[in-house]
């Protein structure tokens, strides 16, 4: 947890001022019982109203100064904690954005959301409390104990007997709660996971009438969270009555033995009143210390989860002296490439992949589900790194390029079409923020999106809902194609991105693309042979291997798998589409 406190360094001034203001408040609080003692033992005893009035004014002045100290502490601790959380959340987000696909696969979306929100909030709270309560409680405890001993050393023995009991109570609470708070954060992850799945799949849930099933899933996740929360915070329910028992018994002891000393003329009434006040301050400060340890325990679990993200080694990063020259031609070559998603896997996702795509060629990729088509193209922009072998662009290993330069020269349209909230124009311009409106419209026309966009009342200024739920699958795919080609990349990867588009529209897209991105090396992953029939080269994949490569005509003669796919689609009437 202490590693994260480095985020407080830019706000050292606030971190220093907050405790100083709190020290001022504590000093004023410690003075109040002494003022009360003087009013009783001097003012009331002697009937000196002027003295009572004067001391009362001092009490009010001390209270006002204490209020300024407390207010100053709140202001500066808030500045420090809020900025701490702001910087920490920013760094966490930057780290996640820098993750490779392999890193992202390690963390689930719901746990990253919890870490960026709930866990950061826990750390923000602990910083705030550290600058206020962690300073106030020990100062009040030590100051109160010193003042109590100064008033009556013998009566202070009661405090030295009670304090160890209070410490034991809170030690038990902290020791038992740490594993529970770690589990609590995981249960929050699970609730977020179920809720996220249902929000994203709301239409599917309704279509399959699975409301009751999903309600029971959420109820179970919510019940698990409730059970762990009750266990964790139930410790407080147990410890607080014990603490109050110790405190009340201490107060009874102080009043009893104080009365005995007053009767023996060894103590005055005002001194006993002051002693009682200091006793309350000491015991309540111990309670505050116990509570802060409880929050530290919970924050430690959050800090561990945050550090897990921040310390995660990013496996894809620039080499020293990485090439910053943009890709000029777009020649792609795979040399005996093998790839494993993780070290534990026995069989590779890709095995011995070798082929060459010349600049400007169209490469079609087809194969059975799970044959490694998407994995293969993911190695080109270094979304993953090859485990063995080399991926080269213009004769240079992709690992030698600056990652940003490499990816700026490549456009991808992924299987899972993702649109962002904003206008259609914003989503298309996402591929090139400097593009003019004319260029955006041209790209949309090539992607066969212009007509349906203009059918909307606001045209290109039509708002896109989260994940594009107000658009059809085919419309989203065409917008994503426009976004990719607007970049005018040297390498274009289309990963099954016309699956929701009708055959006639797909044919028009292909014809328009041929002219618009002339000279661009294009990879087209498709399920339909009609989508890749006119490619310069077709790769047929099965079980992570390229089992055949060649033109459409060559594969029809030599590749059984390709023949089977062709015959199947011919039977469905698709193979006749040119």
Protein backbone atom coordinates (compact mmCIF):
# COMPACT_ATOMS: atom_id res chain seq x y z
CA UNK A 1 0.00 0.00 0.00
CA UNK A 2 2.85 2.38 0.84
CA UNK A 3 4.06 2.18 -2.78
CA UNK A 4 0.97 4.13 -3.82
CA UNK A 5 1.74 7.03 -1.48
CA UNK A 6 4.26 8.25 -4.07
CA UNK A 7 1.25 9.85 -5.75
CA UNK A 8 1.13 12.29 -2.82
CA UNK A 9 4.56 13.77 -3.59
CA UNK A 10 3.26 16.56 -5.86
CA UNK A 11 0.95 17.61 -3.04
CA UNK A 12 3.48 17.53 -0.21
CA UNK A 13 2.46 21.04 0.82
CA UNK A 14 -1.13 19.90 1.42
CA UNK A 15 0.09 16.71 3.17
CA UNK A 16 2.14 18.88 5.56
CA UNK A 17 -0.45 21.59 6.17
CA UNK A 18 -3.32 19.19 6.94
CA UNK A 19 -1.63 17.62 10.02
CA UNK A 20 -0.46 21.04 11.23
CA UNK A 21 -4.00 22.35 11.18
CA UNK A 22 -5.17 19.14 12.89
CA UNK A 23 -2.47 19.63 15.56
CA UNK A 24 -3.93 23.08 16.22
CA UNK A 25 -7.42 21.59 16.69
CA UNK A 26 -6.12 18.85 19.02
CA UNK A 27 -4.26 21.37 21.20
CA UNK A 28 -7.43 23.43 21.54
CA UNK A 29 -9.45 20.30 22.41
CA UNK A 30 -6.93 19.35 25.09
CA UNK A 31 -7.15 22.82 26.64
CA UNK A 32 -10.93 22.72 27.12
CA UNK A 33 -11.03 20.33 30.12
CA UNK A 34 -8.40 22.46 31.90
CA UNK A 35 -10.54 25.57 31.38
CA UNK A 36 -13.53 23.65 32.75
CA UNK A 37 -11.48 22.61 35.79
CA UNK A 38 -10.59 26.26 36.53
CA UNK A 39 -14.20 27.41 36.20
CA UNK A 40 -15.31 24.80 38.78
CA UNK A 41 -12.38 24.81 41.21
CA UNK A 42 -11.64 28.56 41.12
CA UNK A 43 -14.60 30.46 39.69
CA UNK A 44 -17.53 28.57 41.22
CA UNK A 45 -15.70 27.73 44.45
CA UNK A 46 -14.83 31.38 45.10
CA UNK A 47 -17.98 32.81 43.53
CA UNK A 48 -15.83 34.86 41.15
CA UNK A 49 -18.15 35.58 38.20
CA UNK A 50 -15.56 37.74 36.44
CA UNK A 51 -13.15 34.80 36.43
CA UNK A 52 -15.88 32.45 35.14
CA UNK A 53 -16.74 34.94 32.36
CA UNK A 54 -13.10 35.42 31.41
CA UNK A 55 -12.38 31.68 31.35
CA UNK A 56 -15.60 31.06 29.41
CA UNK A 57 -14.45 33.53 26.75
CA UNK A 58 -11.12 31.68 26.55
CA UNK A 59 -13.04 28.42 26.02
CA UNK A 60 -15.02 30.02 23.18
CA UNK A 61 -11.84 31.43 21.63
CA UNK A 62 -10.16 28.00 21.88
CA UNK A 63 -13.22 26.40 20.26
CA UNK A 64 -13.11 28.92 17.38
CA UNK A 65 -9.38 28.38 16.85
CA UNK A 66 -10.00 24.62 16.95
CA UNK A 67 -12.74 25.05 14.35
CA UNK A 68 -10.30 26.86 12.06
CA UNK A 69 -7.77 24.08 12.60
CA UNK A 70 -10.34 21.38 11.86
CA UNK A 71 -11.64 23.21 8.78
CA UNK A 72 -8.11 23.77 7.46
CA UNK A 73 -7.31 20.08 7.93
CA UNK A 74 -10.45 19.08 6.01
CA UNK A 75 -9.60 21.45 3.14
CA UNK A 76 -5.97 20.37 2.72
CA UNK A 77 -6.62 16.67 3.30
CA UNK A 78 -9.36 16.85 0.67
CA UNK A 79 -7.00 18.54 -1.80
CA UNK A 80 -4.36 15.85 -1.19
CA UNK A 81 -6.73 12.85 -1.30
CA UNK A 82 -8.75 14.03 -4.32
CA UNK A 83 -5.64 14.76 -6.37
CA UNK A 84 -4.08 11.48 -5.20
CA UNK A 85 -7.12 9.57 -6.51
CA UNK A 86 -7.15 11.61 -9.74
CA UNK A 87 -3.50 10.82 -10.54
CA UNK A 88 -3.79 7.19 -9.47
CA UNK A 89 -6.91 6.64 -11.59
CA UNK A 90 -5.20 8.30 -14.58
CA UNK A 91 -2.12 6.10 -14.27
CA UNK A 92 -4.27 3.00 -13.91
CA UNK A 93 -6.21 3.90 -17.06
CA UNK A 94 -3.00 4.68 -18.98
CA UNK A 95 -1.60 1.33 -17.88
CA UNK A 96 -4.71 -0.51 -19.06
CA UNK A 97 -4.59 1.36 -22.38
CA UNK A 98 -0.96 0.24 -22.80
CA UNK A 99 -1.85 -3.42 -22.18
CA UNK A 100 -1.35 -5.89 -24.97
CA UNK A 101 -4.14 -8.36 -25.69
CA UNK A 102 -2.25 -10.88 -23.57
CA UNK A 103 -2.27 -8.48 -20.60
CA UNK A 104 -5.96 -7.72 -21.13
CA UNK A 105 -6.72 -11.44 -21.20
CA UNK A 106 -5.21 -11.72 -17.70
CA UNK A 107 -7.71 -9.26 -16.18
CA UNK A 108 -11.45 -9.42 -16.74
CA UNK A 109 -13.28 -6.16 -17.66
CA UNK A 110 -15.40 -6.22 -14.50
CA UNK A 111 -12.38 -6.46 -12.20
CA UNK A 112 -10.62 -3.61 -14.04
CA UNK A 113 -13.74 -1.46 -13.62
CA UNK A 114 -13.84 -2.22 -9.88
CA UNK A 115 -10.14 -1.45 -9.51
CA UNK A 116 -10.48 1.87 -11.34
CA UNK A 117 -13.50 2.92 -9.27
CA UNK A 118 -14.14 1.18 -5.97
CA UNK A 119 -10.53 0.28 -5.16
CA UNK A 120 -9.26 3.78 -5.99
CA UNK A 121 -12.05 5.21 -3.84
CA UNK A 122 -10.92 3.04 -0.91
CA UNK A 123 -7.39 4.44 -1.29
CA UNK A 124 -8.74 7.98 -1.54
CA UNK A 125 -10.65 7.48 1.71
CA UNK A 126 -7.62 6.08 3.51
CA UNK A 127 -5.51 9.09 2.46
CA UNK A 128 -8.21 11.44 3.70
CA UNK A 129 -8.49 9.57 7.00
CA UNK A 130 -4.72 9.31 7.36
CA UNK A 131 -4.35 13.07 7.20
CA UNK A 132 -7.18 13.62 9.64
CA UNK A 133 -7.95 10.75 12.02
CA UNK A 134 -4.51 9.10 11.93
CA UNK A 135 -3.07 12.44 13.03
CA UNK A 136 -5.87 13.41 15.40
CA UNK A 137 -6.32 10.11 17.24
CA UNK A 138 -2.67 9.50 18.34
CA UNK A 139 -2.19 13.16 19.29
CA UNK A 140 -5.41 13.16 21.28
CA UNK A 141 -4.49 9.83 22.89
CA UNK A 142 -0.97 10.89 23.93
CA UNK A 143 -1.99 14.43 24.88
CA UNK A 144 -4.99 13.22 26.88
CA UNK A 145 -2.90 10.60 28.69
CA UNK A 146 -0.23 13.17 29.61
CA UNK A 147 -2.84 15.63 30.90
CA UNK A 148 -4.64 12.90 32.88
CA UNK A 149 -1.39 11.79 34.55
CA UNK A 150 -0.58 15.43 35.36
CA UNK A 151 -3.97 15.86 37.07
CA UNK A 152 -3.87 12.63 39.15
CA UNK A 153 -1.21 9.92 38.63
CA UNK A 154 -2.96 7.42 40.93
CA UNK A 155 -6.33 7.70 39.14
CA UNK A 156 -4.49 7.21 35.82
CA UNK A 157 -3.80 3.59 36.78
CA UNK A 158 -7.40 2.84 35.73
CA UNK A 159 -6.56 4.06 32.23
CA UNK A 160 -3.42 1.92 32.02
CA UNK A 161 -5.54 -1.10 32.94
CA UNK A 162 -8.31 -0.30 30.38
CA UNK A 163 -6.08 0.61 27.42
CA UNK A 164 -4.60 -2.92 26.86
CA UNK A 165 -8.13 -4.39 26.76
CA UNK A 166 -9.17 -1.88 24.08
CA UNK A 167 -6.02 -2.62 22.05
CA UNK A 168 -6.70 -6.38 22.21
CA UNK A 169 -10.29 -5.88 21.03
CA UNK A 170 -9.22 -3.94 17.95
CA UNK A 171 -6.28 -6.25 17.25
CA UNK A 172 -8.73 -9.15 17.07
CA UNK A 173 -11.00 -7.14 14.76
CA UNK A 174 -8.20 -6.20 12.32
CA UNK A 175 -6.70 -9.70 12.24
CA UNK A 176 -10.02 -11.34 11.42
CA UNK A 177 -11.21 -8.73 8.92
CA UNK A 178 -8.29 -8.61 6.44
CA UNK A 179 -9.08 -11.85 4.54
CA UNK A 180 -12.77 -10.95 4.57
CA UNK A 181 -12.16 -7.57 2.92
CA UNK A 182 -10.03 -9.24 0.22
CA UNK A 183 -12.94 -11.57 -0.49
CA UNK A 184 -15.36 -8.63 -0.35
CA UNK A 185 -13.64 -6.88 -3.29
CA UNK A 186 -13.83 -10.10 -5.34
CA UNK A 187 -17.55 -10.37 -4.61
CA UNK A 188 -17.99 -6.78 -5.82
CA UNK A 189 -16.19 -7.87 -9.02
CA UNK A 190 -18.70 -10.69 -9.44
CA UNK A 191 -21.72 -8.41 -8.97
CA UNK A 192 -20.24 -6.01 -11.55
CA UNK A 193 -19.65 -8.94 -13.94
CA UNK A 194 -23.26 -10.18 -13.80
CA UNK A 195 -24.65 -6.64 -14.04
CA UNK A 196 -22.35 -5.80 -16.99
CA UNK A 197 -23.31 -8.98 -18.87
CA UNK A 198 -27.02 -8.26 -18.42
CA UNK A 199 -26.73 -4.62 -19.49
CA UNK A 200 -24.79 -5.57 -22.62
CA UNK A 201 -27.03 -8.55 -23.36
CA UNK A 202 -30.36 -6.98 -22.36
CA UNK A 203 -31.90 -7.62 -25.78
CA UNK A 204 -30.78 -11.23 -25.78
CA UNK A 205 -32.21 -11.78 -22.29
CA UNK A 206 -35.56 -10.42 -23.44
CA UNK A 207 -35.48 -12.40 -26.69
CA UNK A 208 -34.94 -15.69 -24.85
CA UNK A 209 -37.22 -14.73 -21.93
CA UNK A 210 -34.41 -15.39 -19.43
CA UNK A 211 -35.38 -12.70 -16.95
CA UNK A 212 -35.95 -15.11 -14.07
CA UNK A 213 -32.69 -16.97 -14.72
CA UNK A 214 -30.69 -13.74 -14.81
CA UNK A 215 -32.49 -12.43 -11.74
CA UNK A 216 -31.46 -15.58 -9.86
CA UNK A 217 -27.85 -15.17 -11.07
CA UNK A 218 -27.74 -11.59 -9.85
CA UNK A 219 -29.51 -12.54 -6.60
CA UNK A 220 -26.87 -15.19 -5.91
CA UNK A 221 -23.98 -12.78 -6.64
CA UNK A 222 -25.65 -10.08 -4.55
CA UNK A 223 -26.36 -12.53 -1.72
CA UNK A 224 -22.71 -13.65 -1.71
CA UNK A 225 -21.66 -9.99 -1.45
CA UNK A 226 -24.15 -9.44 1.39
CA UNK A 227 -22.93 -12.52 3.29
CA UNK A 228 -19.27 -11.47 3.11
CA UNK A 229 -20.19 -7.85 3.97
CA UNK A 230 -22.11 -9.02 7.03
CA UNK A 231 -19.18 -11.16 8.13
CA UNK A 232 -16.68 -8.32 7.64
CA UNK A 233 -18.72 -5.53 9.19
CA UNK A 234 -20.24 -7.93 11.73
CA UNK A 235 -16.90 -7.80 13.51
CA UNK A 236 -17.59 -4.13 14.21
CA UNK A 237 -20.98 -5.08 15.65
CA UNK A 238 -19.21 -7.48 18.01
CA UNK A 239 -16.30 -5.23 18.97
CA UNK A 240 -18.24 -2.00 19.55
CA UNK A 241 -20.30 -3.34 22.52
CA UNK A 242 -17.08 -4.76 24.01
CA UNK A 243 -15.40 -1.38 23.59
CA UNK A 244 -18.36 0.42 25.19
CA UNK A 245 -18.26 -2.07 28.08
CA UNK A 246 -14.58 -1.31 28.74
CA UNK A 247 -15.23 2.44 28.42
CA UNK A 248 -18.21 2.44 30.76
CA UNK A 249 -16.41 0.33 33.34
CA UNK A 250 -13.47 2.73 33.13
CA UNK A 251 -15.78 5.68 33.67
CA UNK A 252 -17.40 3.98 36.70
CA UNK A 253 -13.93 3.32 38.10
CA UNK A 254 -12.81 6.91 37.53
CA UNK A 255 -15.94 8.38 39.15
CA UNK A 256 -15.83 5.89 42.08
CA UNK A 257 -12.17 6.30 42.98
CA UNK A 258 -12.28 10.02 42.11
CA UNK A 259 -15.11 10.48 44.61
CA UNK A 260 -13.07 8.63 47.24
CA UNK A 261 -10.11 10.97 46.64
CA UNK A 262 -12.37 14.05 46.76
CA UNK A 263 -13.75 12.84 50.10
CA UNK A 264 -10.19 12.39 51.36
CA UNK A 265 -9.39 15.96 50.13
CA UNK A 266 -6.78 14.61 47.72
CA UNK A 267 -8.65 15.84 44.64
CA UNK A 268 -10.99 18.65 43.67
CA UNK A 269 -14.31 18.35 41.80
CA UNK A 270 -13.01 20.36 38.83
CA UNK A 271 -10.01 18.06 38.52
CA UNK A 272 -12.31 15.03 38.45
CA UNK A 273 -14.44 16.64 35.74
CA UNK A 274 -11.33 17.38 33.68
CA UNK A 275 -10.05 13.84 34.28
CA UNK A 276 -13.35 12.37 33.05
CA UNK A 277 -13.13 14.48 29.89
CA UNK A 278 -9.57 13.33 29.23
CA UNK A 279 -10.62 9.73 29.85
CA UNK A 280 -13.33 10.07 27.21
CA UNK A 281 -10.84 11.65 24.79
CA UNK A 282 -8.31 8.84 25.37
CA UNK A 283 -10.80 6.01 24.94
CA UNK A 284 -12.52 7.55 21.92
CA UNK A 285 -9.15 8.21 20.30
CA UNK A 286 -8.39 4.50 20.76
CA UNK A 287 -11.70 3.71 19.09
CA UNK A 288 -10.75 6.00 16.19
CA UNK A 289 -7.38 4.25 15.91
CA UNK A 290 -9.18 0.89 15.82
CA UNK A 291 -11.51 2.13 13.08
CA UNK A 292 -8.67 3.51 11.01
CA UNK A 293 -6.92 0.13 11.23
CA UNK A 294 -10.12 -1.43 9.98
CA UNK A 295 -10.17 0.93 6.99
CA UNK A 296 -6.45 0.35 6.44
CA UNK A 297 -7.18 -3.38 6.29
CA UNK A 298 -9.80 -2.85 3.61
CA UNK A 299 -7.62 -0.34 1.75
CA UNK A 300 -4.70 -2.80 1.84
CA UNK A 301 -6.79 -5.31 -0.10
CA UNK A 302 -7.62 -2.59 -2.63
CA UNK A 303 -4.00 -1.43 -2.81
CA UNK A 304 -2.89 -4.98 -3.53
CA UNK A 305 -5.33 -5.19 -6.45
CA UNK A 306 -4.26 -1.78 -7.79
CA UNK A 307 -0.56 -2.67 -7.55
CA UNK A 308 -1.31 -5.91 -9.40
CA UNK A 309 -2.38 -3.82 -12.41
CA UNK A 310 0.37 -1.20 -12.10
CA UNK A 311 3.11 -3.82 -11.69
CA UNK A 312 1.83 -5.99 -14.54
CA UNK A 313 4.66 -6.38 -17.03
CA UNK A 314 3.61 -5.15 -20.47
CA UNK A 315 4.95 -7.76 -22.84
CA UNK A 316 4.68 -5.59 -25.96
CA UNK A 317 6.84 -2.47 -25.80
CA UNK A 318 9.37 -0.63 -27.87
CA UNK A 319 12.95 -1.78 -28.15
CA UNK A 320 15.78 0.69 -27.63
CA UNK A 321 16.30 2.45 -30.93
CA UNK A 322 12.97 1.30 -32.35
CA UNK A 323 12.35 2.26 -35.99
CA UNK A 324 10.20 5.38 -36.26
CA UNK A 325 10.06 5.49 -40.06
CA UNK A 326 6.49 4.89 -41.29
CA UNK A 327 5.77 1.76 -43.34
CA UNK A 328 6.25 2.60 -47.03
CA UNK A 329 5.19 -0.44 -49.06
CA UNK A 330 3.18 -2.84 -46.89
CA UNK A 331 4.84 -6.15 -47.74
CA UNK A 332 3.94 -8.71 -45.05
CA UNK A 333 5.83 -11.93 -44.44
CA UNK A 334 5.34 -14.70 -41.88
CA UNK A 335 8.37 -16.94 -41.36
CA UNK A 336 7.59 -20.19 -39.58
CA UNK A 337 5.47 -18.43 -36.93
CA UNK A 338 4.19 -20.35 -33.91
CA UNK A 339 2.05 -18.73 -31.24
CA UNK A 340 0.75 -19.79 -27.80
CA UNK A 341 -1.77 -17.65 -25.91
CA UNK A 342 -0.14 -18.67 -22.64
CA UNK A 343 2.72 -20.87 -21.50
CA UNK A 344 0.41 -23.48 -19.99
CA UNK A 345 -1.17 -24.40 -23.33
CA UNK A 346 -0.04 -27.73 -24.76
CA UNK A 347 -1.01 -27.05 -28.37
CA UNK A 348 -0.28 -23.75 -30.16
CA UNK A 349 -2.96 -21.44 -31.54
CA UNK A 350 -0.77 -21.03 -34.63
CA UNK A 351 1.79 -23.57 -35.79
CA UNK A 352 4.47 -23.09 -38.45
CA UNK A 353 2.76 -20.27 -40.36
CA UNK A 354 4.68 -19.09 -43.43
CA UNK A 355 3.47 -16.92 -46.33
CA UNK A 356 4.25 -13.68 -48.13
CA UNK A 357 1.82 -10.87 -49.02
CA UNK A 358 3.25 -8.52 -51.61
CA UNK A 359 2.46 -4.77 -51.45
CA UNK A 360 -1.03 -4.05 -52.71
CA UNK A 361 -2.14 -7.70 -52.72
CA UNK A 362 -5.47 -8.85 -51.37
CA UNK A 363 -5.07 -11.88 -49.11
CA UNK A 364 -8.17 -13.90 -48.29
CA UNK A 365 -8.21 -16.09 -45.17
CA UNK A 366 -10.81 -18.81 -44.71
CA UNK A 367 -11.13 -21.83 -42.46
CA UNK A 368 -13.11 -23.57 -39.79
CA UNK A 369 -14.15 -21.82 -36.58
CA UNK A 370 -11.22 -21.65 -34.16
CA UNK A 371 -8.64 -22.35 -36.84
CA UNK A 372 -6.57 -19.28 -35.90
CA UNK A 373 -7.63 -16.76 -38.57
CA UNK A 374 -8.13 -13.79 -36.21
CA UNK A 375 -5.07 -14.77 -34.18
CA UNK A 376 -2.93 -14.69 -37.32
CA UNK A 377 -3.85 -11.13 -38.30
CA UNK A 378 -3.50 -9.97 -34.67
CA UNK A 379 0.24 -10.60 -34.93
CA UNK A 380 0.67 -8.05 -37.73
CA UNK A 381 -0.01 -4.89 -35.62
CA UNK A 382 1.57 -6.59 -32.56
CA UNK A 383 -1.64 -7.04 -30.60
CA UNK A 384 0.16 -10.26 -29.68
CA UNK A 385 3.81 -11.21 -30.27
CA UNK A 386 4.78 -14.43 -32.02
CA UNK A 387 6.14 -17.07 -29.64
CA UNK A 388 8.46 -18.45 -32.32
CA UNK A 389 9.39 -17.30 -35.81
CA UNK A 390 9.15 -13.81 -37.30
CA UNK A 391 6.50 -11.46 -38.62
CA UNK A 392 8.04 -8.96 -41.02
CA UNK A 393 6.74 -5.82 -42.71
CA UNK A 394 8.84 -4.46 -45.55
CA UNK A 395 11.52 -6.94 -44.53
CA UNK A 396 11.73 -5.64 -40.95
CA UNK A 397 10.58 -7.60 -37.89
CA UNK A 398 7.49 -5.93 -36.41
CA UNK A 399 9.21 -6.05 -33.00
CA UNK A 400 11.80 -3.59 -34.33
CA UNK A 401 9.20 -0.94 -35.20
CA UNK A 402 7.99 1.70 -32.79
CA UNK A 403 4.58 0.33 -31.76
CA UNK A 404 2.78 3.62 -32.37
CA UNK A 405 4.34 4.06 -35.82
CA UNK A 406 3.53 0.45 -36.70
CA UNK A 407 -0.13 0.68 -35.71
CA UNK A 408 -0.64 4.05 -37.37
CA UNK A 409 0.17 2.35 -40.67
CA UNK A 410 -2.35 -0.45 -40.10
CA UNK A 411 -6.15 -0.36 -39.90
CA UNK A 412 -8.29 -3.15 -38.47
CA UNK A 413 -11.98 -3.88 -38.54
CA UNK A 414 -12.50 -6.47 -35.82
CA UNK A 415 -15.13 -9.20 -35.59
CA UNK A 416 -16.78 -7.51 -32.64
CA UNK A 417 -17.79 -4.12 -34.06
CA UNK A 418 -17.28 -1.41 -31.45
CA UNK A 419 -18.70 2.10 -31.79
CA UNK A 420 -18.32 4.84 -29.22
CA UNK A 421 -20.87 7.29 -27.86
CA UNK A 422 -20.91 10.43 -29.98
CA UNK A 423 -22.03 11.23 -33.50
CA UNK A 424 -21.61 9.03 -36.57
CA UNK A 425 -19.18 11.65 -37.88
CA UNK A 426 -17.10 11.36 -34.69
CA UNK A 427 -16.99 7.59 -34.99
CA UNK A 428 -15.80 7.65 -38.60
CA UNK A 429 -13.29 10.44 -37.89
CA UNK A 430 -11.90 8.30 -35.05
CA UNK A 431 -9.68 6.77 -37.74
CA UNK A 432 -8.28 10.18 -38.71
CA UNK A 433 -9.12 13.15 -36.52
CA UNK A 434 -7.71 15.59 -39.10
CA UNK A 435 -9.98 14.35 -41.89
CA UNK A 436 -12.23 16.89 -43.61
CA UNK A 437 -15.98 16.41 -43.90
CA UNK A 438 -15.53 15.64 -47.59
CA UNK A 439 -13.07 12.84 -46.77
CA UNK A 440 -15.46 11.42 -44.15
CA UNK A 441 -18.32 11.37 -46.65
CA UNK A 442 -16.09 9.77 -49.30
CA UNK A 443 -15.06 6.98 -46.90
CA UNK A 444 -18.71 6.44 -45.93
CA UNK A 445 -19.67 6.16 -49.60
CA UNK A 446 -16.98 3.55 -50.21
CA UNK A 447 -18.27 1.58 -47.21
CA UNK A 448 -21.83 1.91 -48.56
CA UNK A 449 -22.82 3.77 -45.39
CA UNK A 450 -23.60 7.22 -46.82
CA UNK A 451 -27.15 6.46 -47.95
CA UNK A 452 -28.42 5.05 -44.66
CA UNK A 453 -26.61 7.81 -42.72
CA UNK A 454 -28.38 10.47 -44.75
CA UNK A 455 -31.72 8.73 -44.12
CA UNK A 456 -31.40 9.79 -40.47
CA UNK A 457 -32.86 13.17 -39.55
CA UNK A 458 -29.50 14.54 -38.39
CA UNK A 459 -27.39 12.68 -40.94
CA UNK A 460 -23.74 12.49 -39.88
CA UNK A 461 -24.60 14.32 -36.65
CA UNK A 462 -26.86 11.47 -35.52
CA UNK A 463 -25.94 10.37 -32.01
CA UNK A 464 -24.67 6.82 -31.59
CA UNK A 465 -25.83 5.11 -28.40
CA UNK A 466 -23.41 3.14 -26.24
CA UNK A 467 -21.98 0.28 -28.32
CA UNK A 468 -24.16 1.46 -31.22
CA UNK A 469 -27.35 -0.24 -30.02
CA UNK A 470 -29.47 2.18 -32.08
CA UNK A 471 -27.88 0.85 -35.29
CA UNK A 472 -28.25 -2.52 -36.99
CA UNK A 473 -25.36 -4.97 -37.20
CA UNK A 474 -24.78 -4.23 -40.88
CA UNK A 475 -24.86 -0.46 -40.30
CA UNK A 476 -22.30 -0.73 -37.51
CA UNK A 477 -20.03 -2.85 -39.69
CA UNK A 478 -20.17 -0.35 -42.56
CA UNK A 479 -19.37 2.57 -40.22
CA UNK A 480 -16.42 0.62 -38.84
CA UNK A 481 -15.17 -0.06 -42.39
CA UNK A 482 -15.42 3.67 -43.19
CA UNK A 483 -13.49 4.44 -40.02
CA UNK A 484 -10.71 2.03 -41.00
CA UNK A 485 -10.26 3.13 -44.61
CA UNK A 486 -10.40 6.87 -43.75
CA UNK A 487 -6.96 6.32 -42.26
CA UNK A 488 -5.71 5.27 -45.75
CA UNK A 489 -3.38 2.67 -44.25
CA UNK A 490 -0.61 0.70 -45.90
CA UNK A 491 -2.11 -2.49 -44.46
CA UNK A 492 -5.85 -3.07 -44.00
CA UNK A 493 -7.26 -6.00 -42.02
CA UNK A 494 -10.95 -6.86 -42.39
CA UNK A 495 -11.85 -9.56 -39.88
CA UNK A 496 -15.19 -11.05 -40.96
CA UNK A 497 -16.55 -7.49 -41.03
CA UNK A 498 -19.30 -8.00 -43.63
CA UNK A 499 -21.03 -10.95 -41.97
CA UNK A 500 -24.11 -8.82 -41.25
CA UNK A 501 -24.13 -7.19 -44.70
CA UNK A 502 -26.22 -8.56 -47.57
CA UNK A 503 -24.43 -10.08 -50.56
CA UNK A 504 -25.21 -7.27 -53.00
CA UNK A 505 -23.97 -4.57 -50.60
CA UNK A 506 -20.86 -6.61 -49.86
CA UNK A 507 -20.10 -6.83 -53.56
CA UNK A 508 -20.42 -3.03 -53.92
CA UNK A 509 -18.14 -2.50 -50.90
CA UNK A 510 -15.48 -4.76 -52.41
CA UNK A 511 -15.63 -2.97 -55.77
CA UNK A 512 -15.37 0.47 -54.14
CA UNK A 513 -12.53 -0.64 -51.84
CA UNK A 514 -10.53 -1.87 -54.79
CA UNK A 515 -10.32 1.67 -56.17
CA UNK A 516 -10.20 3.62 -52.90
CA UNK A 517 -7.32 1.73 -51.26
CA UNK A 518 -5.36 0.85 -54.37
CA UNK A 519 -1.83 -0.11 -53.32
CA UNK A 520 -2.92 -1.14 -49.79
CA UNK A 521 -2.10 -4.67 -48.69
CA UNK A 522 -5.46 -6.08 -47.60
CA UNK A 523 -6.26 -9.11 -45.45
CA UNK A 524 -9.87 -10.30 -45.59
CA UNK A 525 -11.07 -12.94 -43.14
CA UNK A 526 -14.38 -14.37 -44.25
CA UNK A 527 -16.75 -17.29 -43.81
CA UNK A 528 -18.15 -16.89 -47.34
CA UNK A 529 -16.02 -17.80 -50.34
CA UNK A 530 -17.77 -15.05 -52.28
CA UNK A 531 -16.07 -12.48 -50.01
CA UNK A 532 -12.55 -13.63 -50.95
CA UNK A 533 -13.07 -15.26 -54.33
CA UNK A 534 -11.19 -12.55 -56.23
CA UNK A 535 -8.28 -12.29 -53.75
CA UNK A 536 -4.75 -12.51 -55.13
CA UNK A 537 -4.03 -15.26 -52.64
CA UNK A 538 -6.23 -17.29 -50.31
CA UNK A 539 -4.95 -18.94 -47.13
CA UNK A 540 -6.93 -22.00 -45.99
CA UNK A 541 -6.52 -22.64 -42.26
CA UNK A 542 -7.32 -25.61 -40.07
CA UNK A 543 -6.16 -26.34 -36.53
CA UNK A 544 -3.83 -23.36 -36.39
CA UNK A 545 -1.98 -24.29 -39.60
CA UNK A 546 -2.13 -23.11 -43.21
CA UNK A 547 -3.16 -26.28 -44.99
CA UNK A 548 -3.21 -24.68 -48.43
CA UNK A 549 -2.65 -21.35 -50.16
CA UNK A 550 -3.28 -20.15 -53.68
CA UNK A 551 -5.88 -18.53 -55.90
CA UNK A 552 -9.55 -19.50 -55.91
CA UNK A 553 -9.11 -21.62 -59.03
CA UNK A 554 -5.98 -23.35 -57.71
CA UNK A 555 -7.60 -24.25 -54.40
CA UNK A 556 -10.70 -25.63 -56.08
CA UNK A 557 -8.43 -28.13 -57.81
CA UNK A 558 -6.04 -29.00 -54.97
CA UNK A 559 -7.55 -28.34 -51.49
CA UNK A 560 -10.22 -30.74 -50.13
CA UNK A 561 -11.20 -28.39 -47.28
CA UNK A 562 -11.70 -25.48 -49.67
CA UNK A 563 -13.65 -27.74 -52.04
CA UNK A 564 -15.92 -28.81 -49.18
CA UNK A 565 -16.60 -25.20 -48.15
CA UNK A 566 -17.27 -24.24 -51.76
CA UNK A 567 -19.64 -27.15 -52.36
CA UNK A 568 -21.51 -26.46 -49.12
CA UNK A 569 -21.99 -22.80 -50.01
CA UNK A 570 -22.92 -23.67 -53.58
CA UNK A 571 -25.68 -25.79 -52.10
CA UNK A 572 -26.89 -22.69 -50.24
CA UNK A 573 -26.66 -20.63 -53.41
CA UNK A 574 -23.78 -18.52 -52.15
CA UNK A 575 -21.01 -19.93 -54.23
CA UNK A 576 -22.61 -18.52 -57.39
CA UNK A 577 -22.09 -15.00 -56.26
CA UNK A 578 -19.17 -13.34 -58.03
